[in-house]
Amino acid sequence: MRHNKKGNHLGRTASHRKAMLANMAVSLIKYKRIKTTVAKAKALRTYVEPLITKSKNDTTHSRRTVFAYLKDKYAVTELFREISVKVSSRPGGYTRILKTGARLGDNAEMCIIELVDYNETYTTQQKSAKPAAKRTRRGKAKSTDEPQAKSTPETPVVEEKKEEPKAKAEDMEPKAEKPENNDENEIAAEESK
């Protein structure tokens, strides 16, 4: 029985799994999106999201703690300078897993794991799709402005006479007709001689 054995071992030893997740986390931080299997992506999500949360608090201690996991100072710098600023208002859920289908050869489920705030297609669609005003469950109360508007005397609207558009200069000039057939051109040329 495997009670209380929550984490996925991914068929690797502890040292191999630790190194693999650290390398995948560095790749995710550098490139913002990586392609991997679904099982590895789920394991990576539980590995990298606490590190992103820790990067919101930019202290020497939190930098050293994250560096102990990642072992790459350029990734740590990227995480604390750019990513933490972009995700500062988000209370968790920094990654998204998009399934892409099965891999040829071993039929493993493949996916793309990405940082949520770095995918412009989803962020721009959500901003444009959401209405500006909040909706409530209560129905709108009928406004009493409509009957008052009808009771006020209407001022007559004076319509201005519209001038008819003048003919374009192209329409005024006579157009020279071009004969369509070359045979007619030859016949007309012979007759004029």
C-alpha atoms as a PDB file:
ATOM      1  CA  MET A   1       0.000   0.000   0.000  1.00  0.00           C
ATOM      2  CA  ARG A   2       1.192   3.499  -0.705  1.00  0.00           C
ATOM      3  CA  HIS A   3      -0.500   5.523   1.983  1.00  0.00           C
ATOM      4  CA  ASN A   4       0.914   9.014   2.586  1.00  0.00           C
ATOM      5  CA  LYS A   5       3.154   8.836  -0.477  1.00  0.00           C
ATOM      6  CA  LYS A   6       1.773  11.848  -2.245  1.00  0.00           C
ATOM      7  CA  GLY A   7       4.473  12.962  -4.703  1.00  0.00           C
ATOM      8  CA  ASN A   8       5.024  11.420  -8.118  1.00  0.00           C
ATOM      9  CA  HIS A   9       8.455   9.777  -8.257  1.00  0.00           C
ATOM     10  CA  LEU A  10       8.471   9.930 -12.090  1.00  0.00           C
ATOM     11  CA  GLY A  11      10.445   6.673 -12.254  1.00  0.00           C
ATOM     12  CA  ARG A  12      13.643   8.353 -11.032  1.00  0.00           C
ATOM     13  CA  THR A  13      15.822   8.361  -7.986  1.00  0.00           C
ATOM     14  CA  ALA A  14      15.497  11.252  -5.564  1.00  0.00           C
ATOM     15  CA  SER A  15      18.694  12.967  -6.742  1.00  0.00           C
ATOM     16  CA  HIS A  16      17.755  12.582 -10.422  1.00  0.00           C
ATOM     17  CA  ARG A  17      14.238  13.884  -9.784  1.00  0.00           C
ATOM     18  CA  LYS A  18      15.566  16.870  -7.811  1.00  0.00           C
ATOM     19  CA  ALA A  19      18.044  17.795 -10.563  1.00  0.00           C
ATOM     20  CA  MET A  20      15.449  17.321 -13.317  1.00  0.00           C
ATOM     21  CA  LEU A  21      12.860  19.538 -11.614  1.00  0.00           C
ATOM     22  CA  ALA A  22      15.475  22.222 -10.927  1.00  0.00           C
ATOM     23  CA  ASN A  23      16.532  22.223 -14.591  1.00  0.00           C
ATOM     24  CA  MET A  24      12.929  22.303 -15.797  1.00  0.00           C
ATOM     25  CA  ALA A  25      12.145  25.181 -13.425  1.00  0.00           C
ATOM     26  CA  VAL A  26      15.133  27.143 -14.768  1.00  0.00           C
ATOM     27  CA  SER A  27      13.952  26.511 -18.348  1.00  0.00           C
ATOM     28  CA  LEU A  28      10.424  27.615 -17.466  1.00  0.00           C
ATOM     29  CA  ILE A  29      11.714  30.824 -15.879  1.00  0.00           C
ATOM     30  CA  LYS A  30      14.002  31.619 -18.828  1.00  0.00           C
ATOM     31  CA  TYR A  31      11.672  30.735 -21.702  1.00  0.00           C
ATOM     32  CA  LYS A  32       8.268  31.258 -19.981  1.00  0.00           C
ATOM     33  CA  ARG A  33       6.898  28.141 -21.744  1.00  0.00           C
ATOM     34  CA  ILE A  34       8.209  24.596 -22.125  1.00  0.00           C
ATOM     35  CA  LYS A  35       6.914  21.393 -23.686  1.00  0.00           C
ATOM     36  CA  THR A  36       6.948  18.262 -21.534  1.00  0.00           C
ATOM     37  CA  THR A  37       4.805  15.331 -20.400  1.00  0.00           C
ATOM     38  CA  VAL A  38       1.732  15.926 -18.257  1.00  0.00           C
ATOM     39  CA  ALA A  39       3.175  14.040 -15.267  1.00  0.00           C
ATOM     40  CA  LYS A  40       6.382  16.090 -15.302  1.00  0.00           C
ATOM     41  CA  ALA A  41       4.412  19.315 -15.755  1.00  0.00           C
ATOM     42  CA  LYS A  42       2.253  18.573 -12.705  1.00  0.00           C
ATOM     43  CA  ALA A  43       5.355  17.780 -10.662  1.00  0.00           C
ATOM     44  CA  LEU A  44       7.027  20.953 -11.928  1.00  0.00           C
ATOM     45  CA  ARG A  45       3.995  23.046 -11.005  1.00  0.00           C
ATOM     46  CA  THR A  46       4.215  21.967  -7.358  1.00  0.00           C
ATOM     47  CA  TYR A  47       7.962  22.658  -7.451  1.00  0.00           C
ATOM     48  CA  VAL A  48       8.032  26.110  -9.091  1.00  0.00           C
ATOM     49  CA  GLU A  49       4.926  27.861  -7.741  1.00  0.00           C
ATOM     50  CA  PRO A  50       6.228  28.129  -4.151  1.00  0.00           C
ATOM     51  CA  LEU A  51       9.455  29.592  -5.584  1.00  0.00           C
ATOM     52  CA  ILE A  52       7.497  32.243  -7.488  1.00  0.00           C
ATOM     53  CA  THR A  53       5.561  33.075  -4.323  1.00  0.00           C
ATOM     54  CA  LYS A  54       8.840  33.404  -2.425  1.00  0.00           C
ATOM     55  CA  SER A  55      10.162  35.753  -5.132  1.00  0.00           C
ATOM     56  CA  LYS A  56       7.461  38.311  -4.284  1.00  0.00           C
ATOM     57  CA  ASN A  57       9.392  39.111  -1.106  1.00  0.00           C
ATOM     58  CA  ASP A  58      12.744  40.352  -2.437  1.00  0.00           C
ATOM     59  CA  THR A  59      15.127  39.803   0.459  1.00  0.00           C
ATOM     60  CA  THR A  60      18.561  38.256   0.612  1.00  0.00           C
ATOM     61  CA  HIS A  61      17.175  35.314   2.539  1.00  0.00           C
ATOM     62  CA  SER A  62      14.464  34.552  -0.032  1.00  0.00           C
ATOM     63  CA  ARG A  63      16.988  34.896  -2.882  1.00  0.00           C
ATOM     64  CA  ARG A  64      19.316  32.409  -1.202  1.00  0.00           C
ATOM     65  CA  THR A  65      16.463  30.002  -0.537  1.00  0.00           C
ATOM     66  CA  VAL A  66      15.365  30.110  -4.188  1.00  0.00           C
ATOM     67  CA  PHE A  67      18.979  29.751  -5.339  1.00  0.00           C
ATOM     68  CA  ALA A  68      19.294  26.589  -3.227  1.00  0.00           C
ATOM     69  CA  TYR A  69      16.476  25.093  -5.331  1.00  0.00           C
ATOM     70  CA  LEU A  70      17.378  26.443  -8.785  1.00  0.00           C
ATOM     71  CA  LYS A  71      21.213  26.574  -8.663  1.00  0.00           C
ATOM     72  CA  ASP A  72      21.281  29.151 -11.485  1.00  0.00           C
ATOM     73  CA  LYS A  73      21.913  32.791 -10.607  1.00  0.00           C
ATOM     74  CA  TYR A  74      20.618  34.135 -13.945  1.00  0.00           C
ATOM     75  CA  ALA A  75      17.293  32.364 -13.421  1.00  0.00           C
ATOM     76  CA  VAL A  76      17.107  33.725  -9.863  1.00  0.00           C
ATOM     77  CA  THR A  77      17.784  37.245 -11.153  1.00  0.00           C
ATOM     78  CA  GLU A  78      15.106  36.875 -13.855  1.00  0.00           C
ATOM     79  CA  LEU A  79      12.646  35.525 -11.305  1.00  0.00           C
ATOM     80  CA  PHE A  80      13.128  38.343  -8.803  1.00  0.00           C
ATOM     81  CA  ARG A  81      13.405  41.226 -11.296  1.00  0.00           C
ATOM     82  CA  GLU A  82      10.799  40.510 -13.949  1.00  0.00           C
ATOM     83  CA  ILE A  83       8.505  37.642 -13.052  1.00  0.00           C
ATOM     84  CA  SER A  84       7.839  38.669  -9.450  1.00  0.00           C
ATOM     85  CA  VAL A  85       6.832  42.158 -10.598  1.00  0.00           C
ATOM     86  CA  LYS A  86       4.414  40.766 -13.177  1.00  0.00           C
ATOM     87  CA  VAL A  87       2.751  38.277 -10.813  1.00  0.00           C
ATOM     88  CA  SER A  88       2.713  40.501  -7.734  1.00  0.00           C
ATOM     89  CA  SER A  89      -1.080  40.969  -7.804  1.00  0.00           C
ATOM     90  CA  ARG A  90      -1.842  37.286  -8.492  1.00  0.00           C
ATOM     91  CA  PRO A  91      -2.545  35.192  -5.357  1.00  0.00           C
ATOM     92  CA  GLY A  92      -1.163  31.896  -6.681  1.00  0.00           C
ATOM     93  CA  GLY A  93      -1.827  29.877  -9.827  1.00  0.00           C
ATOM     94  CA  TYR A  94       1.148  31.224 -11.757  1.00  0.00           C
ATOM     95  CA  THR A  95       1.364  28.373 -14.264  1.00  0.00           C
ATOM     96  CA  ARG A  96      -1.009  26.923 -16.844  1.00  0.00           C
ATOM     97  CA  ILE A  97      -0.891  23.421 -18.315  1.00  0.00           C
ATOM     98  CA  LEU A  98      -2.237  23.042 -21.859  1.00  0.00           C
ATOM     99  CA  LYS A  99      -2.527  19.458 -23.101  1.00  0.00           C
ATOM    100  CA  THR A 100      -1.306  18.969 -26.674  1.00  0.00           C
ATOM    101  CA  GLY A 101      -2.003  15.286 -27.312  1.00  0.00           C
ATOM    102  CA  ALA A 102      -0.007  12.088 -27.377  1.00  0.00           C
ATOM    103  CA  ARG A 103       3.669  11.777 -28.292  1.00  0.00           C
ATOM    104  CA  LEU A 104       4.547   9.564 -31.231  1.00  0.00           C
ATOM    105  CA  GLY A 105       6.539   6.520 -30.225  1.00  0.00           C
ATOM    106  CA  ASP A 106       5.440   5.897 -26.652  1.00  0.00           C
ATOM    107  CA  ASN A 107       2.030   7.591 -26.706  1.00  0.00           C
ATOM    108  CA  ALA A 108       2.833   9.688 -23.615  1.00  0.00           C
ATOM    109  CA  GLU A 109       0.465  12.576 -22.906  1.00  0.00           C
ATOM    110  CA  MET A 110       2.277  15.793 -23.845  1.00  0.00           C
ATOM    111  CA  CYS A 111       1.534  19.321 -22.737  1.00  0.00           C
ATOM    112  CA  ILE A 112       2.852  22.854 -22.622  1.00  0.00           C
ATOM    113  CA  ILE A 113       3.403  24.405 -19.212  1.00  0.00           C
ATOM    114  CA  GLU A 114       3.633  28.187 -19.232  1.00  0.00           C
ATOM    115  CA  LEU A 115       3.621  31.179 -16.958  1.00  0.00           C
ATOM    116  CA  VAL A 116       0.118  32.627 -16.999  1.00  0.00           C
ATOM    117  CA  ASP A 117       1.031  36.320 -17.178  1.00  0.00           C
ATOM    118  CA  TYR A 118       3.357  35.869 -20.153  1.00  0.00           C
ATOM    119  CA  ASN A 119       0.810  34.513 -22.616  1.00  0.00           C
ATOM    120  CA  GLU A 120      -0.488  37.591 -24.458  1.00  0.00           C
ATOM    121  CA  THR A 121      -3.215  35.751 -26.380  1.00  0.00           C
ATOM    122  CA  TYR A 122      -5.089  34.769 -23.240  1.00  0.00           C
ATOM    123  CA  THR A 123      -4.508  38.004 -21.341  1.00  0.00           C
ATOM    124  CA  THR A 124      -5.672  40.286 -24.191  1.00  0.00           C
ATOM    125  CA  GLN A 125      -8.768  38.197 -24.890  1.00  0.00           C
ATOM    126  CA  GLN A 126      -9.823  38.194 -21.262  1.00  0.00           C
ATOM    127  CA  LYS A 127      -9.455  41.956 -20.925  1.00  0.00           C
ATOM    128  CA  SER A 128     -11.475  42.681 -24.066  1.00  0.00           C
ATOM    129  CA  ALA A 129     -14.119  40.024 -23.343  1.00  0.00           C
ATOM    130  CA  LYS A 130     -14.990  41.195 -19.826  1.00  0.00           C
ATOM    131  CA  PRO A 131     -17.579  43.947 -19.557  1.00  0.00           C
ATOM    132  CA  ALA A 132     -16.583  47.105 -17.740  1.00  0.00           C
ATOM    133  CA  ALA A 133     -19.529  47.129 -15.316  1.00  0.00           C
ATOM    134  CA  LYS A 134     -20.235  44.418 -12.783  1.00  0.00           C
ATOM    135  CA  ARG A 135     -23.428  42.480 -13.136  1.00  0.00           C
ATOM    136  CA  THR A 136     -25.681  41.764 -10.197  1.00  0.00           C
ATOM    137  CA  ARG A 137     -28.367  39.189  -9.680  1.00  0.00           C
ATOM    138  CA  ARG A 138     -30.978  41.823  -9.029  1.00  0.00           C
ATOM    139  CA  GLY A 139     -32.999  42.908 -12.002  1.00  0.00           C
ATOM    140  CA  LYS A 140     -32.736  46.473 -13.153  1.00  0.00           C
ATOM    141  CA  ALA A 141     -35.327  48.779 -11.659  1.00  0.00           C
ATOM    142  CA  LYS A 142     -37.329  50.554 -14.289  1.00  0.00           C
ATOM    143  CA  SER A 143     -36.256  54.119 -14.464  1.00  0.00           C
ATOM    144  CA  THR A 144     -38.850  56.834 -14.012  1.00  0.00           C
ATOM    145  CA  ASP A 145     -37.067  59.133 -16.438  1.00  0.00           C
ATOM    146  CA  GLU A 146     -38.933  57.830 -19.476  1.00  0.00           C
ATOM    147  CA  PRO A 147     -42.440  59.182 -18.607  1.00  0.00           C
ATOM    148  CA  GLN A 148     -41.015  62.557 -17.652  1.00  0.00           C
ATOM    149  CA  ALA A 149     -39.155  62.815 -20.924  1.00  0.00           C
ATOM    150  CA  LYS A 150     -42.407  62.311 -22.846  1.00  0.00           C
ATOM    151  CA  SER A 151     -44.269  64.972 -20.893  1.00  0.00           C
ATOM    152  CA  THR A 152     -41.763  67.727 -21.647  1.00  0.00           C
ATOM    153  CA  PRO A 153     -42.609  69.762 -24.733  1.00  0.00           C
ATOM    154  CA  GLU A 154     -40.449  68.902 -27.673  1.00  0.00           C
ATOM    155  CA  THR A 155     -38.775  71.677 -29.577  1.00  0.00           C
ATOM    156  CA  PRO A 156     -39.254  71.418 -33.305  1.00  0.00           C
ATOM    157  CA  VAL A 157     -36.150  70.296 -35.064  1.00  0.00           C
ATOM    158  CA  VAL A 158     -35.280  72.309 -38.136  1.00  0.00           C
ATOM    159  CA  GLU A 159     -33.874  70.125 -40.847  1.00  0.00           C
ATOM    160  CA  GLU A 160     -31.220  71.611 -43.003  1.00  0.00           C
ATOM    161  CA  LYS A 161     -31.529  71.140 -46.713  1.00  0.00           C
ATOM    162  CA  LYS A 162     -28.772  68.998 -47.984  1.00  0.00           C
ATOM    163  CA  GLU A 163     -27.095  70.032 -51.156  1.00  0.00           C
ATOM    164  CA  GLU A 164     -26.972  67.409 -53.794  1.00  0.00           C
ATOM    165  CA  PRO A 165     -23.453  66.205 -54.416  1.00  0.00           C
ATOM    166  CA  LYS A 166     -21.833  67.742 -57.437  1.00  0.00           C
ATOM    167  CA  ALA A 167     -20.825  65.469 -60.210  1.00  0.00           C
ATOM    168  CA  LYS A 168     -17.271  64.320 -60.065  1.00  0.00           C
ATOM    169  CA  ALA A 169     -14.709  65.676 -62.456  1.00  0.00           C
ATOM    170  CA  GLU A 170     -14.265  62.201 -63.895  1.00  0.00           C
ATOM    171  CA  ASP A 171     -17.925  62.064 -64.900  1.00  0.00           C
ATOM    172  CA  MET A 172     -17.731  65.422 -66.668  1.00  0.00           C
ATOM    173  CA  GLU A 173     -14.807  64.575 -68.909  1.00  0.00           C
ATOM    174  CA  PRO A 174     -15.596  62.510 -71.992  1.00  0.00           C
ATOM    175  CA  LYS A 175     -13.833  59.215 -71.999  1.00  0.00           C
ATOM    176  CA  ALA A 176     -12.117  58.015 -75.107  1.00  0.00           C
ATOM    177  CA  GLU A 177     -13.377  54.616 -76.081  1.00  0.00           C
ATOM    178  CA  LYS A 178     -10.785  52.029 -76.813  1.00  0.00           C
ATOM    179  CA  PRO A 179     -11.556  49.457 -79.466  1.00  0.00           C
ATOM    180  CA  GLU A 180     -11.457  45.985 -78.118  1.00  0.00           C
ATOM    181  CA  ASN A 181     -10.285  43.969 -81.100  1.00  0.00           C
ATOM    182  CA  ASN A 182      -7.017  44.455 -82.914  1.00  0.00           C
ATOM    183  CA  ASP A 183      -8.734  43.509 -86.224  1.00  0.00           C
ATOM    184  CA  GLU A 184     -11.000  46.569 -85.953  1.00  0.00           C
ATOM    185  CA  ASN A 185      -7.945  48.783 -85.378  1.00  0.00           C
ATOM    186  CA  GLU A 186      -6.327  47.462 -88.548  1.00  0.00           C
ATOM    187  CA  ILE A 187      -9.516  47.959 -90.599  1.00  0.00           C
ATOM    188  CA  ALA A 188      -9.938  51.530 -89.327  1.00  0.00           C
ATOM    189  CA  ALA A 189      -6.307  52.299 -90.111  1.00  0.00           C
ATOM    190  CA  GLU A 190      -6.677  50.989 -93.726  1.00  0.00           C
ATOM    191  CA  GLU A 191      -9.849  53.006 -94.323  1.00  0.00           C
ATOM    192  CA  SER A 192      -8.232  56.241 -93.192  1.00  0.00           C
ATOM    193  CA  LYS A 193      -5.399  55.798 -95.757  1.00  0.00           C
END
